[in-house]
């Protein structure tokens, strides 16, 4: 079984192999609150105000850029929706890879730290 702690320790890498449905389900169990929606893993993060929302987005940009795996973000006054998928898998048709879950676990860690 995969854990969030294990995912956080990994570094994203180029991959052309998508996870199977069973592997996606196993990985989803490791990252609380993320769900599979329209071919992406998705989670909504809530904040008190726009400043906190943007601080979170900037922290994500800093950490995730190192893994070269960037999310689709929808940013509003007090909310950020993060979506991950991997464009290079499934012969370039896209899908879900372990990189998506590595990034999701790191985003969750940033959010937990921001909430303290």
PDB file of N, CA and C in Angstrom:
ATOM      1  N   UNK A   1       0.834  -1.179   0.000  1.00  0.00           N
ATOM      2  CA  UNK A   1       0.000   0.000   0.000  1.00  0.00           C
ATOM      3  C   UNK A   1       0.887   1.254   0.000  1.00  0.00           C
ATOM      4  N   UNK A   2       0.523   2.217  -0.798  1.00  0.00           N
ATOM      5  CA  UNK A   2       1.242   3.481  -0.923  1.00  0.00           C
ATOM      6  C   UNK A   2       0.780   4.436   0.174  1.00  0.00           C
ATOM      7  N   UNK A   3       1.712   5.219   0.730  1.00  0.00           N
ATOM      8  CA  UNK A   3       1.344   6.211   1.735  1.00  0.00           C
ATOM      9  C   UNK A   3       1.726   7.613   1.249  1.00  0.00           C
ATOM     10  N   UNK A   4       1.080   8.615   1.816  1.00  0.00           N
ATOM     11  CA  UNK A   4       1.400   9.995   1.475  1.00  0.00           C
ATOM     12  C   UNK A   4       2.843  10.316   1.843  1.00  0.00           C
ATOM     13  N   UNK A   5       3.314   9.801   2.960  1.00  0.00           N
ATOM     14  CA  UNK A   5       4.698  10.045   3.387  1.00  0.00           C
ATOM     15  C   UNK A   5       5.690   9.510   2.353  1.00  0.00           C
ATOM     16  N   UNK A   6       5.407   8.344   1.797  1.00  0.00           N
ATOM     17  CA  UNK A   6       6.276   7.783   0.758  1.00  0.00           C
ATOM     18  C   UNK A   6       6.243   8.644  -0.500  1.00  0.00           C
ATOM     19  N   UNK A   7       5.065   9.102  -0.872  1.00  0.00           N
ATOM     20  CA  UNK A   7       4.933   9.923  -2.080  1.00  0.00           C
ATOM     21  C   UNK A   7       5.690  11.238  -1.939  1.00  0.00           C
ATOM     22  N   UNK A   8       5.617  11.856  -0.769  1.00  0.00           N
ATOM     23  CA  UNK A   8       6.293  13.136  -0.538  1.00  0.00           C
ATOM     24  C   UNK A   8       7.802  13.000  -0.722  1.00  0.00           C
ATOM     25  N   UNK A   9       8.350  11.857  -0.364  1.00  0.00           N
ATOM     26  CA  UNK A   9       9.797  11.642  -0.456  1.00  0.00           C
ATOM     27  C   UNK A   9      10.282  11.415  -1.890  1.00  0.00           C
ATOM     28  N   UNK A  10       9.359  11.131  -2.795  1.00  0.00           N
ATOM     29  CA  UNK A  10       9.742  10.853  -4.182  1.00  0.00           C
ATOM     30  C   UNK A  10       9.854  12.135  -4.985  1.00  0.00           C
ATOM     31  N   UNK A  11      10.599  12.030  -6.071  1.00  0.00           N
ATOM     32  CA  UNK A  11      10.711  13.134  -7.020  1.00  0.00           C
ATOM     33  C   UNK A  11      10.029  12.696  -8.308  1.00  0.00           C
ATOM     34  N   UNK A  12       9.247  13.587  -8.883  1.00  0.00           N
ATOM     35  CA  UNK A  12       8.595  13.281 -10.146  1.00  0.00           C
ATOM     36  C   UNK A  12       9.640  13.021 -11.229  1.00  0.00           C
ATOM     37  N   UNK A  13       9.284  12.166 -12.166  1.00  0.00           N
ATOM     38  CA  UNK A  13      10.195  11.847 -13.264  1.00  0.00           C
ATOM     39  C   UNK A  13       9.384  11.676 -14.532  1.00  0.00           C
ATOM     40  N   UNK A  14      10.036  11.860 -15.659  1.00  0.00           N
ATOM     41  CA  UNK A  14       9.325  11.690 -16.925  1.00  0.00           C
ATOM     42  C   UNK A  14       8.819  10.251 -17.029  1.00  0.00           C
ATOM     43  N   UNK A  15       7.577  10.100 -17.427  1.00  0.00           N
ATOM     44  CA  UNK A  15       7.000   8.773 -17.598  1.00  0.00           C
ATOM     45  C   UNK A  15       6.026   8.772 -18.759  1.00  0.00           C
ATOM     46  N   UNK A  16       5.929   7.642 -19.398  1.00  0.00           N
ATOM     47  CA  UNK A  16       4.959   7.457 -20.468  1.00  0.00           C
ATOM     48  C   UNK A  16       3.957   6.372 -20.111  1.00  0.00           C
ATOM     49  N   UNK A  17       4.048   5.886 -18.855  1.00  0.00           N
ATOM     50  CA  UNK A  17       3.191   4.802 -18.396  1.00  0.00           C
ATOM     51  C   UNK A  17       2.146   5.314 -17.419  1.00  0.00           C
ATOM     52  N   UNK A  18       0.883   5.111 -17.765  1.00  0.00           N
ATOM     53  CA  UNK A  18      -0.213   5.510 -16.884  1.00  0.00           C
ATOM     54  C   UNK A  18      -0.432   4.435 -15.823  1.00  0.00           C
ATOM     55  N   UNK A  19      -1.037   4.839 -14.715  1.00  0.00           N
ATOM     56  CA  UNK A  19      -1.429   3.877 -13.696  1.00  0.00           C
ATOM     57  C   UNK A  19      -2.709   3.170 -14.132  1.00  0.00           C
ATOM     58  N   UNK A  20      -2.872   1.953 -13.662  1.00  0.00           N
ATOM     59  CA  UNK A  20      -4.101   1.214 -13.918  1.00  0.00           C
ATOM     60  C   UNK A  20      -5.197   1.745 -12.991  1.00  0.00           C
ATOM     61  N   UNK A  21      -6.431   1.359 -13.242  1.00  0.00           N
ATOM     62  CA  UNK A  21      -7.538   1.778 -12.364  1.00  0.00           C
ATOM     63  C   UNK A  21      -7.300   1.339 -10.932  1.00  0.00           C
ATOM     64  N   UNK A  22      -6.784   0.122 -10.743  1.00  0.00           N
ATOM     65  CA  UNK A  22      -6.513  -0.383  -9.391  1.00  0.00           C
ATOM     66  C   UNK A  22      -5.400   0.431  -8.731  1.00  0.00           C
ATOM     67  N   UNK A  23      -4.377   0.777  -9.476  1.00  0.00           N
ATOM     68  CA  UNK A  23      -3.282   1.582  -8.925  1.00  0.00           C
ATOM     69  C   UNK A  23      -3.765   2.995  -8.587  1.00  0.00           C
ATOM     70  N   UNK A  24      -4.617   3.552  -9.419  1.00  0.00           N
ATOM     71  CA  UNK A  24      -5.184   4.875  -9.132  1.00  0.00           C
ATOM     72  C   UNK A  24      -5.984   4.826  -7.838  1.00  0.00           C
ATOM     73  N   UNK A  25      -6.805   3.807  -7.668  1.00  0.00           N
ATOM     74  CA  UNK A  25      -7.604   3.665  -6.443  1.00  0.00           C
ATOM     75  C   UNK A  25      -6.697   3.544  -5.215  1.00  0.00           C
ATOM     76  N   UNK A  26      -5.626   2.775  -5.334  1.00  0.00           N
ATOM     77  CA  UNK A  26      -4.684   2.611  -4.219  1.00  0.00           C
ATOM     78  C   UNK A  26      -4.020   3.951  -3.884  1.00  0.00           C
ATOM     79  N   UNK A  27      -3.606   4.682  -4.890  1.00  0.00           N
ATOM     80  CA  UNK A  27      -2.956   5.968  -4.666  1.00  0.00           C
ATOM     81  C   UNK A  27      -3.944   7.006  -4.118  1.00  0.00           C
ATOM     82  N   UNK A  28      -5.178   6.988  -4.578  1.00  0.00           N
ATOM     83  CA  UNK A  28      -6.186   7.921  -4.055  1.00  0.00           C
ATOM     84  C   UNK A  28      -6.393   7.723  -2.561  1.00  0.00           C
ATOM     85  N   UNK A  29      -6.287   6.488  -2.106  1.00  0.00           N
ATOM     86  CA  UNK A  29      -6.446   6.209  -0.679  1.00  0.00           C
ATOM     87  C   UNK A  29      -5.333   6.853   0.145  1.00  0.00           C
ATOM     88  N   UNK A  30      -4.197   7.139  -0.487  1.00  0.00           N
ATOM     89  CA  UNK A  30      -3.052   7.717   0.217  1.00  0.00           C
ATOM     90  C   UNK A  30      -3.131   9.239   0.328  1.00  0.00           C
ATOM     91  N   UNK A  31      -3.917   9.872  -0.536  1.00  0.00           N
ATOM     92  CA  UNK A  31      -4.000  11.342  -0.546  1.00  0.00           C
ATOM     93  C   UNK A  31      -5.442  11.755  -0.232  1.00  0.00           C
ATOM     94  N   UNK A  32      -5.660  12.060   1.019  1.00  0.00           N
ATOM     95  CA  UNK A  32      -7.004  12.353   1.526  1.00  0.00           C
ATOM     96  C   UNK A  32      -7.648  13.539   0.814  1.00  0.00           C
ATOM     97  N   UNK A  33      -8.886  13.349   0.423  1.00  0.00           N
ATOM     98  CA  UNK A  33      -9.669  14.434  -0.157  1.00  0.00           C
ATOM     99  C   UNK A  33      -9.535  14.596  -1.662  1.00  0.00           C
ATOM    100  N   UNK A  34      -8.602  13.909  -2.283  1.00  0.00           N
ATOM    101  CA  UNK A  34      -8.453  13.975  -3.734  1.00  0.00           C
ATOM    102  C   UNK A  34      -9.429  13.001  -4.356  1.00  0.00           C
ATOM    103  N   UNK A  35      -9.957  13.369  -5.522  1.00  0.00           N
ATOM    104  CA  UNK A  35     -10.872  12.481  -6.232  1.00  0.00           C
ATOM    105  C   UNK A  35     -10.550  12.488  -7.710  1.00  0.00           C
ATOM    106  N   UNK A  36     -10.924  11.421  -8.371  1.00  0.00           N
ATOM    107  CA  UNK A  36     -10.755  11.314  -9.813  1.00  0.00           C
ATOM    108  C   UNK A  36     -11.978  11.932 -10.464  1.00  0.00           C
ATOM    109  N   UNK A  37     -11.745  12.946 -11.313  1.00  0.00           N
ATOM    110  CA  UNK A  37     -12.851  13.649 -11.950  1.00  0.00           C
ATOM    111  C   UNK A  37     -12.404  14.072 -13.350  1.00  0.00           C
ATOM    112  N   UNK A  38     -13.139  13.626 -14.354  1.00  0.00           N
ATOM    113  CA  UNK A  38     -12.850  13.992 -15.741  1.00  0.00           C
ATOM    114  C   UNK A  38     -11.408  13.711 -16.136  1.00  0.00           C
ATOM    115  N   UNK A  39     -10.885  12.576 -15.706  1.00  0.00           N
ATOM    116  CA  UNK A  39      -9.540  12.156 -16.106  1.00  0.00           C
ATOM    117  C   UNK A  39      -8.404  12.844 -15.371  1.00  0.00           C
ATOM    118  N   UNK A  40      -8.721  13.537 -14.277  1.00  0.00           N
ATOM    119  CA  UNK A  40      -7.707  14.227 -13.480  1.00  0.00           C
ATOM    120  C   UNK A  40      -7.966  13.945 -12.011  1.00  0.00           C
ATOM    121  N   UNK A  41      -6.930  14.070 -11.187  1.00  0.00           N
ATOM    122  CA  UNK A  41      -7.179  14.030  -9.751  1.00  0.00           C
ATOM    123  C   UNK A  41      -7.354  15.476  -9.300  1.00  0.00           C
ATOM    124  N   UNK A  42      -8.349  15.705  -8.442  1.00  0.00           N
ATOM    125  CA  UNK A  42      -8.806  17.063  -8.135  1.00  0.00           C
ATOM    126  C   UNK A  42      -9.046  17.209  -6.637  1.00  0.00           C
ATOM    127  N   UNK A  43      -8.684  18.390  -6.126  1.00  0.00           N
ATOM    128  CA  UNK A  43      -8.992  18.713  -4.730  1.00  0.00           C
ATOM    129  C   UNK A  43      -9.171  20.225  -4.600  1.00  0.00           C
ATOM    130  N   UNK A  44     -10.111  20.624  -3.737  1.00  0.00           N
ATOM    131  CA  UNK A  44     -10.358  22.032  -3.457  1.00  0.00           C
ATOM    132  C   UNK A  44      -9.769  22.387  -2.094  1.00  0.00           C
ATOM    133  N   UNK A  45      -9.037  23.493  -2.055  1.00  0.00           N
ATOM    134  CA  UNK A  45      -8.431  23.998  -0.827  1.00  0.00           C
ATOM    135  C   UNK A  45      -9.089  25.335  -0.493  1.00  0.00           C
ATOM    136  N   UNK A  46      -9.517  25.495   0.754  1.00  0.00           N
ATOM    137  CA  UNK A  46     -10.220  26.713   1.185  1.00  0.00           C
ATOM    138  C   UNK A  46      -9.336  27.550   2.101  1.00  0.00           C
ATOM    139  N   UNK A  47      -9.487  28.886   1.988  1.00  0.00           N
ATOM    140  CA  UNK A  47      -8.684  29.829   2.750  1.00  0.00           C
ATOM    141  C   UNK A  47      -9.557  30.939   3.323  1.00  0.00           C
ATOM    142  N   UNK A  48      -8.964  31.774   4.182  1.00  0.00           N
ATOM    143  CA  UNK A  48      -9.694  32.879   4.792  1.00  0.00           C
ATOM    144  C   UNK A  48      -9.850  34.055   3.842  1.00  0.00           C
ATOM    145  N   UNK A  49      -8.872  34.247   2.964  1.00  0.00           N
ATOM    146  CA  UNK A  49      -8.897  35.436   2.107  1.00  0.00           C
ATOM    147  C   UNK A  49      -8.017  35.227   0.869  1.00  0.00           C
ATOM    148  N   UNK A  50      -7.988  36.229   0.039  1.00  0.00           N
ATOM    149  CA  UNK A  50      -7.243  36.160  -1.221  1.00  0.00           C
ATOM    150  C   UNK A  50      -5.738  36.070  -0.980  1.00  0.00           C
ATOM    151  N   UNK A  51      -5.243  36.798   0.011  1.00  0.00           N
ATOM    152  CA  UNK A  51      -3.814  36.768   0.316  1.00  0.00           C
ATOM    153  C   UNK A  51      -3.359  35.342   0.649  1.00  0.00           C
ATOM    154  N   UNK A  52      -4.099  34.660   1.517  1.00  0.00           N
ATOM    155  CA  UNK A  52      -3.727  33.291   1.885  1.00  0.00           C
ATOM    156  C   UNK A  52      -3.810  32.358   0.678  1.00  0.00           C
ATOM    157  N   UNK A  53      -4.810  32.571  -0.158  1.00  0.00           N
ATOM    158  CA  UNK A  53      -4.954  31.755  -1.359  1.00  0.00           C
ATOM    159  C   UNK A  53      -3.738  31.929  -2.265  1.00  0.00           C
ATOM    160  N   UNK A  54      -3.343  33.174  -2.504  1.00  0.00           N
ATOM    161  CA  UNK A  54      -2.199  33.427  -3.381  1.00  0.00           C
ATOM    162  C   UNK A  54      -0.882  32.952  -2.766  1.00  0.00           C
ATOM    163  N   UNK A  55      -0.738  33.058  -1.456  1.00  0.00           N
ATOM    164  CA  UNK A  55       0.463  32.554  -0.792  1.00  0.00           C
ATOM    165  C   UNK A  55       0.577  31.044  -1.007  1.00  0.00           C
ATOM    166  N   UNK A  56      -0.535  30.351  -0.904  1.00  0.00           N
ATOM    167  CA  UNK A  56      -0.570  28.902  -1.154  1.00  0.00           C
ATOM    168  C   UNK A  56      -0.177  28.601  -2.597  1.00  0.00           C
ATOM    169  N   UNK A  57      -0.744  29.329  -3.535  1.00  0.00           N
ATOM    170  CA  UNK A  57      -0.437  29.114  -4.950  1.00  0.00           C
ATOM    171  C   UNK A  57       1.049  29.346  -5.214  1.00  0.00           C
ATOM    172  N   UNK A  58       1.626  30.387  -4.633  1.00  0.00           N
ATOM    173  CA  UNK A  58       3.050  30.649  -4.816  1.00  0.00           C
ATOM    174  C   UNK A  58       3.913  29.552  -4.208  1.00  0.00           C
ATOM    175  N   UNK A  59       3.506  29.030  -3.058  1.00  0.00           N
ATOM    176  CA  UNK A  59       4.247  27.926  -2.444  1.00  0.00           C
ATOM    177  C   UNK A  59       4.177  26.681  -3.319  1.00  0.00           C
ATOM    178  N   UNK A  60       3.007  26.408  -3.883  1.00  0.00           N
ATOM    179  CA  UNK A  60       2.869  25.274  -4.806  1.00  0.00           C
ATOM    180  C   UNK A  60       3.822  25.456  -5.989  1.00  0.00           C
ATOM    181  N   UNK A  61       3.811  26.640  -6.564  1.00  0.00           N
ATOM    182  CA  UNK A  61       4.655  26.902  -7.735  1.00  0.00           C
ATOM    183  C   UNK A  61       6.119  26.624  -7.419  1.00  0.00           C
ATOM    184  N   UNK A  62       6.570  27.050  -6.262  1.00  0.00           N
ATOM    185  CA  UNK A  62       7.968  26.873  -5.876  1.00  0.00           C
ATOM    186  C   UNK A  62       8.323  25.388  -5.723  1.00  0.00           C
ATOM    187  N   UNK A  63       7.499  24.653  -5.004  1.00  0.00           N
ATOM    188  CA  UNK A  63       7.799  23.250  -4.702  1.00  0.00           C
ATOM    189  C   UNK A  63       7.594  22.348  -5.926  1.00  0.00           C
ATOM    190  N   UNK A  64       6.487  22.516  -6.601  1.00  0.00           N
ATOM    191  CA  UNK A  64       6.144  21.635  -7.714  1.00  0.00           C
ATOM    192  C   UNK A  64       7.035  21.880  -8.923  1.00  0.00           C
ATOM    193  N   UNK A  65       7.516  23.094  -9.099  1.00  0.00           N
ATOM    194  CA  UNK A  65       8.385  23.388 -10.246  1.00  0.00           C
ATOM    195  C   UNK A  65       9.630  22.497 -10.237  1.00  0.00           C
ATOM    196  N   UNK A  66      10.122  22.171  -9.061  1.00  0.00           N
ATOM    197  CA  UNK A  66      11.305  21.312  -8.952  1.00  0.00           C
ATOM    198  C   UNK A  66      11.061  19.932  -9.555  1.00  0.00           C
ATOM    199  N   UNK A  67       9.815  19.464  -9.533  1.00  0.00           N
ATOM    200  CA  UNK A  67       9.475  18.161 -10.112  1.00  0.00           C
ATOM    201  C   UNK A  67       9.011  18.288 -11.560  1.00  0.00           C
ATOM    202  N   UNK A  68       8.908  19.510 -12.054  1.00  0.00           N
ATOM    203  CA  UNK A  68       8.483  19.771 -13.430  1.00  0.00           C
ATOM    204  C   UNK A  68       7.158  19.077 -13.760  1.00  0.00           C
ATOM    205  N   UNK A  69       6.220  19.182 -12.807  1.00  0.00           N
ATOM    206  CA  UNK A  69       4.895  18.585 -13.008  1.00  0.00           C
ATOM    207  C   UNK A  69       3.879  19.580 -12.473  1.00  0.00           C
ATOM    208  N   UNK A  70       3.298  20.343 -13.354  1.00  0.00           N
ATOM    209  CA  UNK A  70       2.523  21.512 -12.958  1.00  0.00           C
ATOM    210  C   UNK A  70       1.019  21.246 -12.997  1.00  0.00           C
ATOM    211  N   UNK A  71       0.304  21.729 -11.989  1.00  0.00           N
ATOM    212  CA  UNK A  71      -1.140  21.508 -11.929  1.00  0.00           C
ATOM    213  C   UNK A  71      -1.915  22.536 -12.748  1.00  0.00           C
ATOM    214  N   UNK A  72      -3.134  22.187 -13.021  1.00  0.00           N
ATOM    215  CA  UNK A  72      -4.103  23.169 -13.488  1.00  0.00           C
ATOM    216  C   UNK A  72      -4.705  23.750 -12.214  1.00  0.00           C
ATOM    217  N   UNK A  73      -4.705  25.067 -12.089  1.00  0.00           N
ATOM    218  CA  UNK A  73      -5.223  25.716 -10.887  1.00  0.00           C
ATOM    219  C   UNK A  73      -6.379  26.640 -11.245  1.00  0.00           C
ATOM    220  N   UNK A  74      -7.410  26.594 -10.430  1.00  0.00           N
ATOM    221  CA  UNK A  74      -8.511  27.543 -10.521  1.00  0.00           C
ATOM    222  C   UNK A  74      -8.483  28.318  -9.209  1.00  0.00           C
ATOM    223  N   UNK A  75      -8.256  29.624  -9.305  1.00  0.00           N
ATOM    224  CA  UNK A  75      -8.031  30.453  -8.124  1.00  0.00           C
ATOM    225  C   UNK A  75      -9.152  31.479  -7.998  1.00  0.00           C
ATOM    226  N   UNK A  76      -9.768  31.512  -6.822  1.00  0.00           N
ATOM    227  CA  UNK A  76     -10.766  32.538  -6.515  1.00  0.00           C
ATOM    228  C   UNK A  76     -10.350  33.224  -5.210  1.00  0.00           C
ATOM    229  N   UNK A  77     -11.188  34.082  -4.712  1.00  0.00           N
ATOM    230  CA  UNK A  77     -10.870  34.868  -3.517  1.00  0.00           C
ATOM    231  C   UNK A  77     -10.362  34.002  -2.362  1.00  0.00           C
ATOM    232  N   UNK A  78     -11.081  32.944  -2.046  1.00  0.00           N
ATOM    233  CA  UNK A  78     -10.715  32.142  -0.877  1.00  0.00           C
ATOM    234  C   UNK A  78     -10.671  30.641  -1.179  1.00  0.00           C
ATOM    235  N   UNK A  79     -10.358  30.306  -2.413  1.00  0.00           N
ATOM    236  CA  UNK A  79     -10.368  28.899  -2.801  1.00  0.00           C
ATOM    237  C   UNK A  79      -9.381  28.670  -3.939  1.00  0.00           C
ATOM    238  N   UNK A  80      -8.783  27.501  -3.912  1.00  0.00           N
ATOM    239  CA  UNK A  80      -7.922  27.061  -5.008  1.00  0.00           C
ATOM    240  C   UNK A  80      -8.271  25.611  -5.311  1.00  0.00           C
ATOM    241  N   UNK A  81      -8.613  25.354  -6.547  1.00  0.00           N
ATOM    242  CA  UNK A  81      -8.867  23.990  -7.002  1.00  0.00           C
ATOM    243  C   UNK A  81      -7.625  23.553  -7.781  1.00  0.00           C
ATOM    244  N   UNK A  82      -7.033  22.442  -7.354  1.00  0.00           N
ATOM    245  CA  UNK A  82      -5.851  21.902  -8.024  1.00  0.00           C
ATOM    246  C   UNK A  82      -6.234  20.630  -8.767  1.00  0.00           C
ATOM    247  N   UNK A  83      -5.755  20.525 -10.007  1.00  0.00           N
ATOM    248  CA  UNK A  83      -6.031  19.358 -10.843  1.00  0.00           C
ATOM    249  C   UNK A  83      -4.721  18.865 -11.440  1.00  0.00           C
ATOM    250  N   UNK A  84      -4.498  17.562 -11.352  1.00  0.00           N
ATOM    251  CA  UNK A  84      -3.299  16.966 -11.933  1.00  0.00           C
ATOM    252  C   UNK A  84      -3.657  15.853 -12.906  1.00  0.00           C
ATOM    253  N   UNK A  85      -2.931  15.797 -13.994  1.00  0.00           N
ATOM    254  CA  UNK A  85      -2.910  14.658 -14.901  1.00  0.00           C
ATOM    255  C   UNK A  85      -1.564  14.699 -15.601  1.00  0.00           C
ATOM    256  N   UNK A  86      -1.266  13.650 -16.362  1.00  0.00           N
ATOM    257  CA  UNK A  86       0.024  13.550 -17.043  1.00  0.00           C
ATOM    258  C   UNK A  86      -0.208  13.448 -18.536  1.00  0.00           C
ATOM    259  N   UNK A  87       0.229  14.442 -19.260  1.00  0.00           N
ATOM    260  CA  UNK A  87      -0.014  14.514 -20.702  1.00  0.00           C
ATOM    261  C   UNK A  87       0.757  13.473 -21.503  1.00  0.00           C
ATOM    262  N   UNK A  88       1.903  13.025 -20.996  1.00  0.00           N
ATOM    263  CA  UNK A  88       2.779  12.147 -21.778  1.00  0.00           C
ATOM    264  C   UNK A  88       2.389  10.670 -21.750  1.00  0.00           C
ATOM    265  N   UNK A  89       1.456  10.271 -20.893  1.00  0.00           N
ATOM    266  CA  UNK A  89       1.097   8.853 -20.792  1.00  0.00           C
ATOM    267  C   UNK A  89       0.056   8.460 -21.830  1.00  0.00           C
ATOM    268  N   UNK A  90      -0.137   7.154 -21.965  1.00  0.00           N
ATOM    269  CA  UNK A  90      -1.126   6.605 -22.906  1.00  0.00           C
ATOM    270  C   UNK A  90      -0.872   7.082 -24.339  1.00  0.00           C
ATOM    271  N   UNK A  91       0.391   7.016 -24.737  1.00  0.00           N
ATOM    272  CA  UNK A  91       0.727   7.404 -26.101  1.00  0.00           C
ATOM    273  C   UNK A  91       0.451   8.854 -26.403  1.00  0.00           C
ATOM    274  N   UNK A  92       0.560   9.716 -25.388  1.00  0.00           N
ATOM    275  CA  UNK A  92       0.320  11.140 -25.569  1.00  0.00           C
ATOM    276  C   UNK A  92      -1.135  11.550 -25.426  1.00  0.00           C
ATOM    277  N   UNK A  93      -2.017  10.593 -25.142  1.00  0.00           N
ATOM    278  CA  UNK A  93      -3.435  10.915 -24.947  1.00  0.00           C
ATOM    279  C   UNK A  93      -3.718  11.411 -23.533  1.00  0.00           C
ATOM    280  N   UNK A  94      -2.771  11.200 -22.644  1.00  0.00           N
ATOM    281  CA  UNK A  94      -2.913  11.658 -21.266  1.00  0.00           C
ATOM    282  C   UNK A  94      -3.559  10.626 -20.367  1.00  0.00           C
ATOM    283  N   UNK A  95      -3.434  10.854 -19.087  1.00  0.00           N
ATOM    284  CA  UNK A  95      -3.978   9.962 -18.077  1.00  0.00           C
ATOM    285  C   UNK A  95      -3.383  10.312 -16.724  1.00  0.00           C
ATOM    286  N   UNK A  96      -3.414   9.368 -15.828  1.00  0.00           N
ATOM    287  CA  UNK A  96      -2.920   9.570 -14.467  1.00  0.00           C
ATOM    288  C   UNK A  96      -1.647   8.735 -14.266  1.00  0.00           C
ATOM    289  N   UNK A  97      -0.619   9.377 -13.726  1.00  0.00           N
ATOM    290  CA  UNK A  97       0.630   8.675 -13.423  1.00  0.00           C
ATOM    291  C   UNK A  97       0.972   8.868 -11.951  1.00  0.00           C
ATOM    292  N   UNK A  98       2.009   8.192 -11.503  1.00  0.00           N
ATOM    293  CA  UNK A  98       2.433   8.360 -10.115  1.00  0.00           C
ATOM    294  C   UNK A  98       2.859   9.808  -9.853  1.00  0.00           C
ATOM    295  N   UNK A  99       3.370  10.498 -10.875  1.00  0.00           N
ATOM    296  CA  UNK A  99       3.763  11.903 -10.703  1.00  0.00           C
ATOM    297  C   UNK A  99       2.611  12.755 -10.180  1.00  0.00           C
ATOM    298  N   UNK A 100       1.402  12.454 -10.626  1.00  0.00           N
ATOM    299  CA  UNK A 100       0.240  13.213 -10.167  1.00  0.00           C
ATOM    300  C   UNK A 100       0.054  13.057  -8.665  1.00  0.00           C
ATOM    301  N   UNK A 101       0.256  11.867  -8.163  1.00  0.00           N
ATOM    302  CA  UNK A 101       0.068  11.614  -6.737  1.00  0.00           C
ATOM    303  C   UNK A 101       1.234  12.131  -5.908  1.00  0.00           C
ATOM    304  N   UNK A 102       2.445  12.093  -6.466  1.00  0.00           N
ATOM    305  CA  UNK A 102       3.594  12.700  -5.788  1.00  0.00           C
ATOM    306  C   UNK A 102       3.315  14.183  -5.592  1.00  0.00           C
ATOM    307  N   UNK A 103       2.875  14.841  -6.647  1.00  0.00           N
ATOM    308  CA  UNK A 103       2.565  16.269  -6.574  1.00  0.00           C
ATOM    309  C   UNK A 103       1.406  16.541  -5.626  1.00  0.00           C
ATOM    310  N   UNK A 104       0.370  15.723  -5.671  1.00  0.00           N
ATOM    311  CA  UNK A 104      -0.786  15.898  -4.784  1.00  0.00           C
ATOM    312  C   UNK A 104      -0.356  15.803  -3.321  1.00  0.00           C
ATOM    313  N   UNK A 105       0.482  14.835  -2.997  1.00  0.00           N
ATOM    314  CA  UNK A 105       0.949  14.687  -1.614  1.00  0.00           C
ATOM    315  C   UNK A 105       1.757  15.903  -1.171  1.00  0.00           C
ATOM    316  N   UNK A 106       2.554  16.449  -2.079  1.00  0.00           N
ATOM    317  CA  UNK A 106       3.347  17.637  -1.752  1.00  0.00           C
ATOM    318  C   UNK A 106       2.450  18.859  -1.573  1.00  0.00           C
ATOM    319  N   UNK A 107       1.434  18.987  -2.401  1.00  0.00           N
ATOM    320  CA  UNK A 107       0.483  20.101  -2.263  1.00  0.00           C
ATOM    321  C   UNK A 107      -0.250  19.989  -0.924  1.00  0.00           C
ATOM    322  N   UNK A 108      -0.662  18.783  -0.547  1.00  0.00           N
ATOM    323  CA  UNK A 108      -1.315  18.580   0.745  1.00  0.00           C
ATOM    324  C   UNK A 108      -0.392  19.002   1.895  1.00  0.00           C
ATOM    325  N   UNK A 109       0.890  18.656   1.800  1.00  0.00           N
ATOM    326  CA  UNK A 109       1.851  19.014   2.846  1.00  0.00           C
ATOM    327  C   UNK A 109       1.982  20.527   2.952  1.00  0.00           C
ATOM    328  N   UNK A 110       1.988  21.217   1.824  1.00  0.00           N
ATOM    329  CA  UNK A 110       2.054  22.684   1.837  1.00  0.00           C
ATOM    330  C   UNK A 110       0.812  23.243   2.519  1.00  0.00           C
ATOM    331  N   UNK A 111      -0.343  22.703   2.201  1.00  0.00           N
ATOM    332  CA  UNK A 111      -1.597  23.177   2.785  1.00  0.00           C
ATOM    333  C   UNK A 111      -1.606  22.956   4.299  1.00  0.00           C
ATOM    334  N   UNK A 112      -1.170  21.784   4.731  1.00  0.00           N
ATOM    335  CA  UNK A 112      -1.129  21.509   6.183  1.00  0.00           C
ATOM    336  C   UNK A 112      -0.202  22.492   6.884  1.00  0.00           C
ATOM    337  N   UNK A 113       0.932  22.785   6.277  1.00  0.00           N
ATOM    338  CA  UNK A 113       1.884  23.719   6.879  1.00  0.00           C
ATOM    339  C   UNK A 113       1.287  25.126   6.923  1.00  0.00           C
ATOM    340  N   UNK A 114       0.567  25.527   5.882  1.00  0.00           N
ATOM    341  CA  UNK A 114      -0.051  26.851   5.840  1.00  0.00           C
ATOM    342  C   UNK A 114      -1.143  26.989   6.891  1.00  0.00           C
ATOM    343  N   UNK A 115      -1.795  25.904   7.232  1.00  0.00           N
ATOM    344  CA  UNK A 115      -2.897  25.934   8.194  1.00  0.00           C
ATOM    345  C   UNK A 115      -2.421  26.058   9.631  1.00  0.00           C
ATOM    346  N   UNK A 116      -1.128  25.869   9.874  1.00  0.00           N
ATOM    347  CA  UNK A 116      -0.606  25.928  11.248  1.00  0.00           C
ATOM    348  C   UNK A 116      -0.423  27.348  11.709  1.00  0.00           C
TER     349      UNK A 116
END
